[in-house]
N, C-alpha and C. Protein backbone atom coordinates (compact mmCIF):
# COMPACT_ATOMS: atom_id res chain seq x y z
N UNK A 1 0.85 -1.19 0.00
CA UNK A 1 0.00 0.00 0.00
C UNK A 1 0.89 1.25 0.00
N UNK A 2 0.55 2.17 -0.86
CA UNK A 2 1.30 3.44 -0.93
C UNK A 2 0.73 4.41 0.09
N UNK A 3 1.57 4.88 0.99
CA UNK A 3 1.15 5.82 2.02
C UNK A 3 1.28 7.25 1.53
N UNK A 4 0.57 8.15 2.20
CA UNK A 4 0.63 9.57 1.84
C UNK A 4 1.98 10.16 2.23
N UNK A 5 2.46 11.06 1.41
CA UNK A 5 3.73 11.74 1.64
C UNK A 5 3.45 13.22 1.82
N UNK A 6 4.06 13.81 2.85
CA UNK A 6 3.90 15.24 3.08
C UNK A 6 5.27 15.91 3.10
N UNK A 7 5.28 17.21 2.99
CA UNK A 7 6.54 17.96 3.02
C UNK A 7 7.26 17.72 4.34
N UNK A 8 6.50 17.58 5.43
CA UNK A 8 7.13 17.42 6.74
C UNK A 8 7.81 16.06 6.92
N UNK A 9 7.36 15.01 6.22
CA UNK A 9 8.03 13.72 6.36
C UNK A 9 8.85 13.33 5.13
N UNK A 10 9.01 14.24 4.17
CA UNK A 10 9.75 13.95 2.94
C UNK A 10 11.19 13.52 3.23
N UNK A 11 11.91 14.29 4.06
CA UNK A 11 13.31 13.96 4.34
C UNK A 11 13.44 12.58 4.96
N UNK A 12 12.59 12.30 5.92
CA UNK A 12 12.65 11.01 6.62
C UNK A 12 12.32 9.86 5.68
N UNK A 13 11.26 10.00 4.88
CA UNK A 13 10.78 8.88 4.07
C UNK A 13 11.48 8.73 2.73
N UNK A 14 11.96 9.84 2.15
CA UNK A 14 12.57 9.77 0.81
C UNK A 14 14.07 9.99 0.86
N UNK A 15 14.51 11.10 1.44
CA UNK A 15 15.94 11.43 1.45
C UNK A 15 16.74 10.39 2.24
N UNK A 16 16.20 9.95 3.38
CA UNK A 16 16.93 9.02 4.24
C UNK A 16 16.57 7.55 3.99
N UNK A 17 15.81 7.27 2.95
CA UNK A 17 15.38 5.90 2.67
C UNK A 17 16.57 5.01 2.32
N UNK A 18 16.49 3.75 2.75
CA UNK A 18 17.58 2.82 2.47
C UNK A 18 17.36 2.04 1.17
N UNK A 19 16.27 2.33 0.47
CA UNK A 19 16.04 1.73 -0.85
C UNK A 19 15.39 2.78 -1.74
N UNK A 20 15.33 2.53 -3.05
CA UNK A 20 14.70 3.51 -3.93
C UNK A 20 13.26 3.80 -3.51
N UNK A 21 12.80 5.01 -3.85
CA UNK A 21 11.44 5.45 -3.49
C UNK A 21 10.74 5.96 -4.74
N UNK A 22 9.52 5.50 -4.95
CA UNK A 22 8.68 6.00 -6.04
C UNK A 22 7.61 6.90 -5.42
N UNK A 23 7.52 8.14 -5.92
CA UNK A 23 6.49 9.07 -5.43
C UNK A 23 5.52 9.37 -6.56
N UNK A 24 4.24 9.13 -6.29
CA UNK A 24 3.16 9.39 -7.23
C UNK A 24 2.55 10.75 -6.88
N UNK A 25 2.79 11.76 -7.72
CA UNK A 25 2.19 13.08 -7.54
C UNK A 25 0.84 13.06 -8.24
N UNK A 26 -0.24 13.28 -7.51
CA UNK A 26 -1.59 13.10 -8.04
C UNK A 26 -2.55 14.12 -7.41
N UNK A 27 -3.80 14.10 -7.89
CA UNK A 27 -4.88 14.89 -7.28
C UNK A 27 -6.18 14.11 -7.44
N UNK A 28 -7.08 14.29 -6.50
CA UNK A 28 -8.34 13.53 -6.50
C UNK A 28 -9.23 13.87 -7.69
N UNK A 29 -9.10 15.09 -8.24
CA UNK A 29 -9.94 15.52 -9.37
C UNK A 29 -9.38 15.07 -10.72
N UNK A 30 -8.23 14.44 -10.73
CA UNK A 30 -7.53 14.08 -11.98
C UNK A 30 -7.91 12.66 -12.41
N UNK A 31 -8.61 12.54 -13.53
CA UNK A 31 -9.04 11.23 -14.04
C UNK A 31 -7.88 10.27 -14.28
N UNK A 32 -6.85 10.67 -15.03
CA UNK A 32 -5.71 9.76 -15.24
C UNK A 32 -5.02 9.36 -13.93
N UNK A 33 -5.02 10.27 -12.94
CA UNK A 33 -4.43 9.93 -11.64
C UNK A 33 -5.25 8.82 -10.97
N UNK A 34 -6.58 8.94 -11.03
CA UNK A 34 -7.44 7.93 -10.43
C UNK A 34 -7.28 6.60 -11.16
N UNK A 35 -7.07 6.64 -12.48
CA UNK A 35 -6.87 5.41 -13.24
C UNK A 35 -5.53 4.75 -12.89
N UNK A 36 -4.51 5.57 -12.67
CA UNK A 36 -3.18 5.04 -12.36
C UNK A 36 -3.07 4.57 -10.91
N UNK A 37 -3.90 5.11 -10.04
CA UNK A 37 -3.82 4.79 -8.61
C UNK A 37 -3.75 3.30 -8.29
N UNK A 38 -4.69 2.49 -8.79
CA UNK A 38 -4.64 1.05 -8.50
C UNK A 38 -3.38 0.38 -9.05
N UNK A 39 -2.88 0.86 -10.18
CA UNK A 39 -1.64 0.32 -10.76
C UNK A 39 -0.47 0.59 -9.81
N UNK A 40 -0.41 1.82 -9.29
CA UNK A 40 0.65 2.19 -8.35
C UNK A 40 0.56 1.31 -7.10
N UNK A 41 -0.66 1.07 -6.61
CA UNK A 41 -0.85 0.21 -5.43
C UNK A 41 -0.34 -1.20 -5.70
N UNK A 42 -0.66 -1.76 -6.88
CA UNK A 42 -0.20 -3.11 -7.24
C UNK A 42 1.32 -3.16 -7.31
N UNK A 43 1.93 -2.14 -7.91
CA UNK A 43 3.38 -2.08 -8.01
C UNK A 43 3.99 -1.97 -6.61
N UNK A 44 3.38 -1.19 -5.74
CA UNK A 44 3.87 -1.05 -4.36
C UNK A 44 3.91 -2.40 -3.67
N UNK A 45 2.86 -3.21 -3.85
CA UNK A 45 2.81 -4.53 -3.22
C UNK A 45 3.81 -5.47 -3.89
N UNK A 46 3.81 -5.49 -5.20
CA UNK A 46 4.64 -6.42 -5.96
C UNK A 46 6.13 -6.16 -5.77
N UNK A 47 6.53 -4.89 -5.62
CA UNK A 47 7.95 -4.54 -5.54
C UNK A 47 8.36 -4.06 -4.14
N UNK A 48 7.59 -4.43 -3.13
CA UNK A 48 7.83 -3.94 -1.77
C UNK A 48 9.23 -4.25 -1.26
N UNK A 49 9.83 -5.34 -1.73
CA UNK A 49 11.17 -5.70 -1.26
C UNK A 49 12.26 -4.82 -1.89
N UNK A 50 11.96 -4.19 -3.03
CA UNK A 50 12.95 -3.39 -3.75
C UNK A 50 12.72 -1.89 -3.66
N UNK A 51 11.51 -1.48 -3.27
CA UNK A 51 11.06 -0.12 -3.50
C UNK A 51 10.05 0.32 -2.45
N UNK A 52 10.16 1.57 -1.99
CA UNK A 52 9.11 2.17 -1.17
C UNK A 52 8.27 3.05 -2.08
N UNK A 53 6.96 3.08 -1.86
CA UNK A 53 6.07 3.86 -2.72
C UNK A 53 5.20 4.77 -1.86
N UNK A 54 5.13 6.04 -2.27
CA UNK A 54 4.30 7.02 -1.57
C UNK A 54 3.49 7.81 -2.58
N UNK A 55 2.36 8.34 -2.11
CA UNK A 55 1.51 9.20 -2.94
C UNK A 55 1.53 10.60 -2.36
N UNK A 56 1.67 11.59 -3.23
CA UNK A 56 1.71 12.98 -2.80
C UNK A 56 0.60 13.75 -3.51
N UNK A 57 -0.40 14.17 -2.75
CA UNK A 57 -1.51 14.94 -3.30
C UNK A 57 -1.02 16.37 -3.57
N UNK A 58 -0.99 16.77 -4.83
CA UNK A 58 -0.43 18.08 -5.19
C UNK A 58 -1.26 19.24 -4.66
N UNK A 59 -2.54 19.02 -4.42
CA UNK A 59 -3.37 20.09 -3.85
C UNK A 59 -3.03 20.32 -2.38
N UNK A 60 -2.76 19.24 -1.66
CA UNK A 60 -2.43 19.34 -0.23
C UNK A 60 -0.97 19.70 -0.01
N UNK A 61 -0.11 19.30 -0.94
CA UNK A 61 1.34 19.47 -0.77
C UNK A 61 1.93 20.28 -1.93
N UNK A 62 1.41 21.48 -2.13
CA UNK A 62 1.86 22.31 -3.26
C UNK A 62 3.34 22.66 -3.16
N UNK A 63 3.87 22.72 -1.94
CA UNK A 63 5.29 23.01 -1.75
C UNK A 63 6.17 21.93 -2.40
N UNK A 64 5.81 20.67 -2.18
CA UNK A 64 6.57 19.57 -2.80
C UNK A 64 6.37 19.56 -4.32
N UNK A 65 5.15 19.81 -4.76
CA UNK A 65 4.88 19.84 -6.21
C UNK A 65 5.73 20.92 -6.88
N UNK A 66 5.83 22.07 -6.25
CA UNK A 66 6.65 23.15 -6.81
C UNK A 66 8.13 22.79 -6.77
N UNK A 67 8.57 22.20 -5.68
CA UNK A 67 9.98 21.84 -5.53
C UNK A 67 10.44 20.92 -6.67
N UNK A 68 9.56 20.00 -7.09
CA UNK A 68 9.92 19.06 -8.14
C UNK A 68 9.32 19.43 -9.50
N UNK A 69 8.86 20.67 -9.61
CA UNK A 69 8.37 21.24 -10.87
C UNK A 69 7.31 20.36 -11.54
N UNK A 70 6.33 19.95 -10.74
CA UNK A 70 5.23 19.13 -11.26
C UNK A 70 4.27 20.05 -12.01
N UNK A 71 4.17 19.87 -13.32
CA UNK A 71 3.26 20.69 -14.13
C UNK A 71 2.14 19.86 -14.73
N UNK A 72 2.33 18.56 -14.85
CA UNK A 72 1.29 17.65 -15.34
C UNK A 72 1.18 16.51 -14.34
N UNK A 73 -0.06 16.06 -14.14
CA UNK A 73 -0.24 14.91 -13.26
C UNK A 73 -1.06 13.86 -14.00
N UNK A 74 -0.89 12.59 -13.70
CA UNK A 74 0.03 12.08 -12.70
C UNK A 74 1.50 12.17 -13.16
N UNK A 75 2.36 12.45 -12.21
CA UNK A 75 3.80 12.39 -12.43
C UNK A 75 4.37 11.46 -11.36
N UNK A 76 5.17 10.52 -11.80
CA UNK A 76 5.84 9.60 -10.89
C UNK A 76 7.33 9.92 -10.92
N UNK A 77 7.93 10.10 -9.75
CA UNK A 77 9.37 10.36 -9.68
C UNK A 77 10.01 9.24 -8.87
N UNK A 78 11.06 8.67 -9.46
CA UNK A 78 11.83 7.64 -8.78
C UNK A 78 13.05 8.31 -8.15
N UNK A 79 13.22 8.10 -6.85
CA UNK A 79 14.35 8.67 -6.10
C UNK A 79 15.31 7.55 -5.70
N UNK A 80 16.60 7.83 -5.82
CA UNK A 80 17.63 6.94 -5.29
C UNK A 80 18.60 7.81 -4.51
N UNK A 81 18.92 7.37 -3.30
CA UNK A 81 19.81 8.17 -2.46
C UNK A 81 19.25 9.55 -2.18
N UNK A 82 17.93 9.67 -2.16
CA UNK A 82 17.27 10.94 -1.87
C UNK A 82 17.19 11.90 -3.04
N UNK A 83 17.71 11.49 -4.20
CA UNK A 83 17.72 12.38 -5.37
C UNK A 83 16.83 11.80 -6.47
N UNK A 84 16.11 12.69 -7.20
CA UNK A 84 15.29 12.19 -8.30
C UNK A 84 16.18 11.66 -9.44
N UNK A 85 15.91 10.43 -9.88
CA UNK A 85 16.72 9.83 -10.94
C UNK A 85 15.91 9.54 -12.21
N UNK A 86 14.57 9.50 -12.09
CA UNK A 86 13.76 9.20 -13.27
C UNK A 86 12.36 9.77 -13.07
N UNK A 87 11.82 10.39 -14.13
CA UNK A 87 10.48 10.99 -14.07
C UNK A 87 9.61 10.36 -15.15
N UNK A 88 8.39 9.98 -14.77
CA UNK A 88 7.41 9.42 -15.70
C UNK A 88 6.14 10.25 -15.59
N UNK A 89 5.61 10.70 -16.71
CA UNK A 89 4.41 11.54 -16.69
C UNK A 89 3.29 10.83 -17.43
N UNK A 90 2.10 10.84 -16.83
CA UNK A 90 0.92 10.28 -17.48
C UNK A 90 0.61 8.87 -17.02
N UNK A 91 -0.56 8.42 -17.42
CA UNK A 91 -1.03 7.08 -17.09
C UNK A 91 -0.26 6.07 -17.93
N UNK A 92 -0.05 4.87 -17.40
CA UNK A 92 0.64 3.84 -18.17
C UNK A 92 0.25 2.47 -17.64
N UNK A 93 0.36 1.45 -18.49
CA UNK A 93 0.07 0.10 -18.02
C UNK A 93 1.07 -0.36 -16.97
N UNK A 94 0.65 -1.27 -16.12
CA UNK A 94 1.49 -1.77 -15.03
C UNK A 94 2.81 -2.33 -15.56
N UNK A 95 2.78 -3.11 -16.63
CA UNK A 95 4.00 -3.72 -17.17
C UNK A 95 5.01 -2.64 -17.58
N UNK A 96 4.52 -1.55 -18.19
CA UNK A 96 5.41 -0.47 -18.60
C UNK A 96 6.01 0.24 -17.39
N UNK A 97 5.19 0.45 -16.37
CA UNK A 97 5.66 1.11 -15.16
C UNK A 97 6.75 0.27 -14.49
N UNK A 98 6.53 -1.02 -14.39
CA UNK A 98 7.53 -1.90 -13.77
C UNK A 98 8.82 -1.89 -14.58
N UNK A 99 8.71 -1.92 -15.91
CA UNK A 99 9.91 -1.86 -16.77
C UNK A 99 10.71 -0.58 -16.52
N UNK A 100 10.01 0.55 -16.46
CA UNK A 100 10.65 1.84 -16.22
C UNK A 100 11.38 1.85 -14.87
N UNK A 101 10.70 1.33 -13.85
CA UNK A 101 11.28 1.30 -12.51
C UNK A 101 12.52 0.40 -12.50
N UNK A 102 12.36 -0.82 -13.02
CA UNK A 102 13.48 -1.78 -12.97
C UNK A 102 14.68 -1.28 -13.75
N UNK A 103 14.45 -0.54 -14.82
CA UNK A 103 15.56 -0.01 -15.62
C UNK A 103 16.33 1.08 -14.88
N UNK A 104 15.72 1.64 -13.82
CA UNK A 104 16.32 2.79 -13.15
C UNK A 104 16.64 2.60 -11.67
N UNK A 105 16.46 1.36 -11.16
CA UNK A 105 16.80 1.16 -9.73
C UNK A 105 18.08 0.38 -9.54
């Protein structure tokens, strides 16, 4: 299950993480975000041993959205060592998402 990510726990959960972290920047009013949500949840469960997954609501956490220059949602950012290493924008099938993640972790 992907937990919510806030600006206040970003350093602890992402920067200090001991494994790669995938952050899903989304909003409740965004259709493609709602479509991608279950895919992100499945990936979180399937790759739990390799990856931590969090969801960041851009309406609630505009500071984080601005920090990472989120202009389109859904945007998924893969972090390694606390730094963004790969960005994926838009809805995508689960197989494609897993391929993108595995190629970059």
